Amino acid sequence: MFDPEWTKSSYSSQDGGDCVEWAPSVALATGTVPVRDGKAPARPHLAVSSAAWQVFVNGVGREG
């Protein structure tokens, strides 16, 4: 089974606040962005389109 390299959100902390992770290599290869809870990596992940991911990232960036 393929095990992608996951990247943590830049908003995550080293104190257990590692909430959102995504797999950029899969996103580049497929156009679908896998997203998971970094505190529970064994649980199922979400997969969203690159366009939906960009809307999410832009929205979060405005809040920060």
PDB file of N, CA and C in Angstrom:
ATOM      1  N   MET A   1       0.849  -1.191   0.000  1.00  0.00           N
ATOM      2  CA  MET A   1       0.000   0.000   0.000  1.00  0.00           C
ATOM      3  C   MET A   1       0.887   1.244   0.000  1.00  0.00           C
ATOM      4  N   PHE A   2       0.483   2.249  -0.737  1.00  0.00           N
ATOM      5  CA  PHE A   2       1.210   3.500  -0.853  1.00  0.00           C
ATOM      6  C   PHE A   2       1.087   4.298   0.437  1.00  0.00           C
ATOM      7  N   ASP A   3       2.222   4.745   0.966  1.00  0.00           N
ATOM      8  CA  ASP A   3       2.230   5.534   2.195  1.00  0.00           C
ATOM      9  C   ASP A   3       2.854   6.888   1.887  1.00  0.00           C
ATOM     10  N   PRO A   4       2.035   7.899   1.607  1.00  0.00           N
ATOM     11  CA  PRO A   4       2.584   9.201   1.221  1.00  0.00           C
ATOM     12  C   PRO A   4       3.273   9.907   2.379  1.00  0.00           C
ATOM     13  N   GLU A   5       4.120  10.855   2.033  1.00  0.00           N
ATOM     14  CA  GLU A   5       4.735  11.707   3.044  1.00  0.00           C
ATOM     15  C   GLU A   5       3.739  12.815   3.383  1.00  0.00           C
ATOM     16  N   TRP A   6       3.422  12.919   4.665  1.00  0.00           N
ATOM     17  CA  TRP A   6       2.443  13.897   5.125  1.00  0.00           C
ATOM     18  C   TRP A   6       3.161  15.145   5.624  1.00  0.00           C
ATOM     19  N   THR A   7       2.584  16.309   5.366  1.00  0.00           N
ATOM     20  CA  THR A   7       3.131  17.593   5.785  1.00  0.00           C
ATOM     21  C   THR A   7       2.166  18.222   6.781  1.00  0.00           C
ATOM     22  N   LYS A   8       2.719  18.722   7.891  1.00  0.00           N
ATOM     23  CA  LYS A   8       1.879  19.355   8.915  1.00  0.00           C
ATOM     24  C   LYS A   8       1.583  20.802   8.551  1.00  0.00           C
ATOM     25  N   SER A   9       0.455  21.257   8.985  1.00  0.00           N
ATOM     26  CA  SER A   9       0.091  22.653   8.815  1.00  0.00           C
ATOM     27  C   SER A   9       1.124  23.540   9.493  1.00  0.00           C
ATOM     28  N   SER A  10       1.406  24.676   8.899  1.00  0.00           N
ATOM     29  CA  SER A  10       2.339  25.623   9.516  1.00  0.00           C
ATOM     30  C   SER A  10       1.751  26.220  10.792  1.00  0.00           C
ATOM     31  N   TYR A  11       0.459  26.049  11.010  1.00  0.00           N
ATOM     32  CA  TYR A  11      -0.185  26.525  12.230  1.00  0.00           C
ATOM     33  C   TYR A  11      -0.123  25.497  13.357  1.00  0.00           C
ATOM     34  N   SER A  12       0.372  24.305  13.072  1.00  0.00           N
ATOM     35  CA  SER A  12       0.488  23.266  14.096  1.00  0.00           C
ATOM     36  C   SER A  12       1.634  23.607  15.041  1.00  0.00           C
ATOM     37  N   SER A  13       1.537  23.131  16.258  1.00  0.00           N
ATOM     38  CA  SER A  13       2.595  23.385  17.235  1.00  0.00           C
ATOM     39  C   SER A  13       3.263  22.074  17.629  1.00  0.00           C
ATOM     40  N   GLN A  14       4.388  22.187  18.274  1.00  0.00           N
ATOM     41  CA  GLN A  14       5.106  21.016  18.767  1.00  0.00           C
ATOM     42  C   GLN A  14       4.519  20.515  20.086  1.00  0.00           C
ATOM     43  N   ASP A  15       3.534  21.222  20.631  1.00  0.00           N
ATOM     44  CA  ASP A  15       2.937  20.877  21.921  1.00  0.00           C
ATOM     45  C   ASP A  15       1.656  20.062  21.783  1.00  0.00           C
ATOM     46  N   GLY A  16       1.557  19.285  20.725  1.00  0.00           N
ATOM     47  CA  GLY A  16       0.382  18.436  20.559  1.00  0.00           C
ATOM     48  C   GLY A  16      -0.732  19.068  19.759  1.00  0.00           C
ATOM     49  N   GLY A  17      -0.497  20.243  19.205  1.00  0.00           N
ATOM     50  CA  GLY A  17      -1.515  20.900  18.411  1.00  0.00           C
ATOM     51  C   GLY A  17      -1.413  20.580  16.927  1.00  0.00           C
ATOM     52  N   ASP A  18      -0.869  19.432  16.604  1.00  0.00           N
ATOM     53  CA  ASP A  18      -0.689  19.039  15.205  1.00  0.00           C
ATOM     54  C   ASP A  18      -2.016  18.555  14.646  1.00  0.00           C
ATOM     55  N   CYS A  19      -2.769  19.470  14.114  1.00  0.00           N
ATOM     56  CA  CYS A  19      -4.139  19.131  13.728  1.00  0.00           C
ATOM     57  C   CYS A  19      -4.279  18.664  12.291  1.00  0.00           C
ATOM     58  N   VAL A  20      -3.829  19.455  11.350  1.00  0.00           N
ATOM     59  CA  VAL A  20      -4.085  19.165   9.940  1.00  0.00           C
ATOM     60  C   VAL A  20      -2.795  18.768   9.236  1.00  0.00           C
ATOM     61  N   GLU A  21      -2.851  17.657   8.504  1.00  0.00           N
ATOM     62  CA  GLU A  21      -1.744  17.217   7.662  1.00  0.00           C
ATOM     63  C   GLU A  21      -2.286  16.970   6.260  1.00  0.00           C
ATOM     64  N   TRP A  22      -1.434  17.169   5.269  1.00  0.00           N
ATOM     65  CA  TRP A  22      -1.813  16.897   3.885  1.00  0.00           C
ATOM     66  C   TRP A  22      -0.635  16.261   3.179  1.00  0.00           C
ATOM     67  N   ALA A  23      -0.902  15.631   2.046  1.00  0.00           N
ATOM     68  CA  ALA A  23       0.135  14.909   1.301  1.00  0.00           C
ATOM     69  C   ALA A  23       0.372  15.594  -0.042  1.00  0.00           C
ATOM     70  N   PRO A  24       1.338  16.528  -0.094  1.00  0.00           N
ATOM     71  CA  PRO A  24       1.550  17.293  -1.320  1.00  0.00           C
ATOM     72  C   PRO A  24       1.965  16.453  -2.522  1.00  0.00           C
ATOM     73  N   SER A  25       2.727  15.386  -2.317  1.00  0.00           N
ATOM     74  CA  SER A  25       3.156  14.572  -3.464  1.00  0.00           C
ATOM     75  C   SER A  25       1.964  13.913  -4.150  1.00  0.00           C
ATOM     76  N   VAL A  26       0.988  13.486  -3.376  1.00  0.00           N
ATOM     77  CA  VAL A  26      -0.223  12.895  -3.951  1.00  0.00           C
ATOM     78  C   VAL A  26      -1.018  13.976  -4.677  1.00  0.00           C
ATOM     79  N   ALA A  27      -1.091  15.153  -4.078  1.00  0.00           N
ATOM     80  CA  ALA A  27      -1.827  16.253  -4.698  1.00  0.00           C
ATOM     81  C   ALA A  27      -1.230  16.611  -6.053  1.00  0.00           C
ATOM     82  N   LEU A  28       0.091  16.672  -6.126  1.00  0.00           N
ATOM     83  CA  LEU A  28       0.742  17.001  -7.396  1.00  0.00           C
ATOM     84  C   LEU A  28       0.517  15.920  -8.438  1.00  0.00           C
ATOM     85  N   ALA A  29       0.543  14.680  -8.014  1.00  0.00           N
ATOM     86  CA  ALA A  29       0.417  13.557  -8.948  1.00  0.00           C
ATOM     87  C   ALA A  29      -1.016  13.332  -9.422  1.00  0.00           C
ATOM     88  N   THR A  30      -1.995  13.613  -8.565  1.00  0.00           N
ATOM     89  CA  THR A  30      -3.375  13.230  -8.884  1.00  0.00           C
ATOM     90  C   THR A  30      -4.362  14.387  -8.987  1.00  0.00           C
ATOM     91  N   GLY A  31      -4.008  15.546  -8.431  1.00  0.00           N
ATOM     92  CA  GLY A  31      -4.964  16.648  -8.389  1.00  0.00           C
ATOM     93  C   GLY A  31      -5.965  16.519  -7.259  1.00  0.00           C
ATOM     94  N   THR A  32      -5.815  15.494  -6.444  1.00  0.00           N
ATOM     95  CA  THR A  32      -6.658  15.268  -5.272  1.00  0.00           C
ATOM     96  C   THR A  32      -5.786  15.399  -4.034  1.00  0.00           C
ATOM     97  N   VAL A  33      -6.238  16.168  -3.060  1.00  0.00           N
ATOM     98  CA  VAL A  33      -5.441  16.445  -1.870  1.00  0.00           C
ATOM     99  C   VAL A  33      -5.935  15.602  -0.703  1.00  0.00           C
ATOM    100  N   PRO A  34      -5.107  14.642  -0.229  1.00  0.00           N
ATOM    101  CA  PRO A  34      -5.468  13.896   0.968  1.00  0.00           C
ATOM    102  C   PRO A  34      -5.205  14.759   2.207  1.00  0.00           C
ATOM    103  N   VAL A  35      -6.161  14.786   3.116  1.00  0.00           N
ATOM    104  CA  VAL A  35      -6.070  15.583   4.340  1.00  0.00           C
ATOM    105  C   VAL A  35      -6.419  14.674   5.504  1.00  0.00           C
ATOM    106  N   ARG A  36      -5.652  14.768   6.607  1.00  0.00           N
ATOM    107  CA  ARG A  36      -5.944  13.928   7.769  1.00  0.00           C
ATOM    108  C   ARG A  36      -5.702  14.682   9.067  1.00  0.00           C
ATOM    109  N   ASP A  37      -6.199  14.117  10.136  1.00  0.00           N
ATOM    110  CA  ASP A  37      -5.997  14.623  11.494  1.00  0.00           C
ATOM    111  C   ASP A  37      -4.652  14.103  11.976  1.00  0.00           C
ATOM    112  N   GLY A  38      -3.701  14.992  12.196  1.00  0.00           N
ATOM    113  CA  GLY A  38      -2.366  14.597  12.627  1.00  0.00           C
ATOM    114  C   GLY A  38      -2.333  13.961  14.004  1.00  0.00           C
ATOM    115  N   LYS A  39      -3.376  14.171  14.804  1.00  0.00           N
ATOM    116  CA  LYS A  39      -3.434  13.553  16.132  1.00  0.00           C
ATOM    117  C   LYS A  39      -3.939  12.122  16.055  1.00  0.00           C
ATOM    118  N   ALA A  40      -4.520  11.753  14.921  1.00  0.00           N
ATOM    119  CA  ALA A  40      -5.065  10.399  14.743  1.00  0.00           C
ATOM    120  C   ALA A  40      -4.755   9.919  13.318  1.00  0.00           C
ATOM    121  N   PRO A  41      -3.469   9.771  12.989  1.00  0.00           N
ATOM    122  CA  PRO A  41      -3.093   9.457  11.609  1.00  0.00           C
ATOM    123  C   PRO A  41      -3.567   8.102  11.099  1.00  0.00           C
ATOM    124  N   ALA A  42      -3.900   7.183  11.970  1.00  0.00           N
ATOM    125  CA  ALA A  42      -4.363   5.863  11.529  1.00  0.00           C
ATOM    126  C   ALA A  42      -5.831   5.879  11.087  1.00  0.00           C
ATOM    127  N   ARG A  43      -6.535   6.915  11.454  1.00  0.00           N
ATOM    128  CA  ARG A  43      -7.945   7.015  11.055  1.00  0.00           C
ATOM    129  C   ARG A  43      -8.039   7.390   9.583  1.00  0.00           C
ATOM    130  N   PRO A  44      -9.182   7.172   8.959  1.00  0.00           N
ATOM    131  CA  PRO A  44      -9.338   7.515   7.540  1.00  0.00           C
ATOM    132  C   PRO A  44      -9.103   9.007   7.287  1.00  0.00           C
ATOM    133  N   HIS A  45      -8.664   9.315   6.086  1.00  0.00           N
ATOM    134  CA  HIS A  45      -8.431  10.703   5.710  1.00  0.00           C
ATOM    135  C   HIS A  45      -9.494  11.170   4.717  1.00  0.00           C
ATOM    136  N   LEU A  46      -9.547  12.471   4.536  1.00  0.00           N
ATOM    137  CA  LEU A  46     -10.418  13.073   3.530  1.00  0.00           C
ATOM    138  C   LEU A  46      -9.624  13.232   2.244  1.00  0.00           C
ATOM    139  N   ALA A  47     -10.292  13.288   1.135  1.00  0.00           N
ATOM    140  CA  ALA A  47      -9.661  13.614  -0.138  1.00  0.00           C
ATOM    141  C   ALA A  47     -10.520  14.674  -0.806  1.00  0.00           C
ATOM    142  N   VAL A  48      -9.906  15.818  -1.095  1.00  0.00           N
ATOM    143  CA  VAL A  48     -10.632  16.921  -1.714  1.00  0.00           C
ATOM    144  C   VAL A  48      -9.923  17.335  -2.999  1.00  0.00           C
ATOM    145  N   SER A  49     -10.636  17.993  -3.869  1.00  0.00           N
ATOM    146  CA  SER A  49     -10.017  18.466  -5.106  1.00  0.00           C
ATOM    147  C   SER A  49      -8.998  19.557  -4.779  1.00  0.00           C
ATOM    148  N   SER A  50      -8.053  19.734  -5.680  1.00  0.00           N
ATOM    149  CA  SER A  50      -7.061  20.797  -5.490  1.00  0.00           C
ATOM    150  C   SER A  50      -7.736  22.159  -5.391  1.00  0.00           C
ATOM    151  N   ALA A  51      -8.786  22.364  -6.177  1.00  0.00           N
ATOM    152  CA  ALA A  51      -9.509  23.639  -6.141  1.00  0.00           C
ATOM    153  C   ALA A  51     -10.164  23.865  -4.777  1.00  0.00           C
ATOM    154  N   ALA A  52     -10.790  22.838  -4.229  1.00  0.00           N
ATOM    155  CA  ALA A  52     -11.422  22.959  -2.907  1.00  0.00           C
ATOM    156  C   ALA A  52     -10.377  23.210  -1.830  1.00  0.00           C
ATOM    157  N   TRP A  53      -9.238  22.541  -1.930  1.00  0.00           N
ATOM    158  CA  TRP A  53      -8.156  22.734  -0.959  1.00  0.00           C
ATOM    159  C   TRP A  53      -7.669  24.180  -1.009  1.00  0.00           C
ATOM    160  N   GLN A  54      -7.522  24.736  -2.201  1.00  0.00           N
ATOM    161  CA  GLN A  54      -7.047  26.112  -2.337  1.00  0.00           C
ATOM    162  C   GLN A  54      -8.034  27.092  -1.716  1.00  0.00           C
ATOM    163  N   VAL A  55      -9.316  26.872  -1.908  1.00  0.00           N
ATOM    164  CA  VAL A  55     -10.339  27.722  -1.284  1.00  0.00           C
ATOM    165  C   VAL A  55     -10.219  27.645   0.236  1.00  0.00           C
ATOM    166  N   PHE A  56     -10.042  26.440   0.777  1.00  0.00           N
ATOM    167  CA  PHE A  56      -9.887  26.253   2.223  1.00  0.00           C
ATOM    168  C   PHE A  56      -8.656  26.995   2.740  1.00  0.00           C
ATOM    169  N   VAL A  57      -7.511  26.785   2.089  1.00  0.00           N
ATOM    170  CA  VAL A  57      -6.257  27.415   2.530  1.00  0.00           C
ATOM    171  C   VAL A  57      -6.372  28.935   2.472  1.00  0.00           C
ATOM    172  N   ASN A  58      -6.943  29.456   1.402  1.00  0.00           N
ATOM    173  CA  ASN A  58      -7.117  30.907   1.297  1.00  0.00           C
ATOM    174  C   ASN A  58      -8.028  31.438   2.395  1.00  0.00           C
ATOM    175  N   GLY A  59      -9.089  30.720   2.710  1.00  0.00           N
ATOM    176  CA  GLY A  59     -10.004  31.136   3.768  1.00  0.00           C
ATOM    177  C   GLY A  59      -9.355  31.123   5.138  1.00  0.00           C
ATOM    178  N   VAL A  60      -8.591  30.088   5.419  1.00  0.00           N
ATOM    179  CA  VAL A  60      -7.893  29.991   6.703  1.00  0.00           C
ATOM    180  C   VAL A  60      -6.849  31.092   6.810  1.00  0.00           C
ATOM    181  N   GLY A  61      -6.166  31.376   5.719  1.00  0.00           N
ATOM    182  CA  GLY A  61      -5.143  32.419   5.717  1.00  0.00           C
ATOM    183  C   GLY A  61      -5.700  33.787   6.058  1.00  0.00           C
ATOM    184  N   ARG A  62      -6.913  34.062   5.646  1.00  0.00           N
ATOM    185  CA  ARG A  62      -7.534  35.355   5.967  1.00  0.00           C
ATOM    186  C   ARG A  62      -7.902  35.451   7.440  1.00  0.00           C
ATOM    187  N   GLU A  63      -8.157  34.304   8.061  1.00  0.00           N
ATOM    188  CA  GLU A  63      -8.539  34.288   9.477  1.00  0.00           C
ATOM    189  C   GLU A  63      -7.333  34.476  10.382  1.00  0.00           C
ATOM    190  N   GLY A  64      -6.145  34.027   9.936  1.00  0.00           N
ATOM    191  CA  GLY A  64      -4.940  34.038  10.760  1.00  0.00           C
ATOM    192  C   GLY A  64      -4.388  35.380  10.931  1.00  0.00           C
TER     193      GLY A  64
END
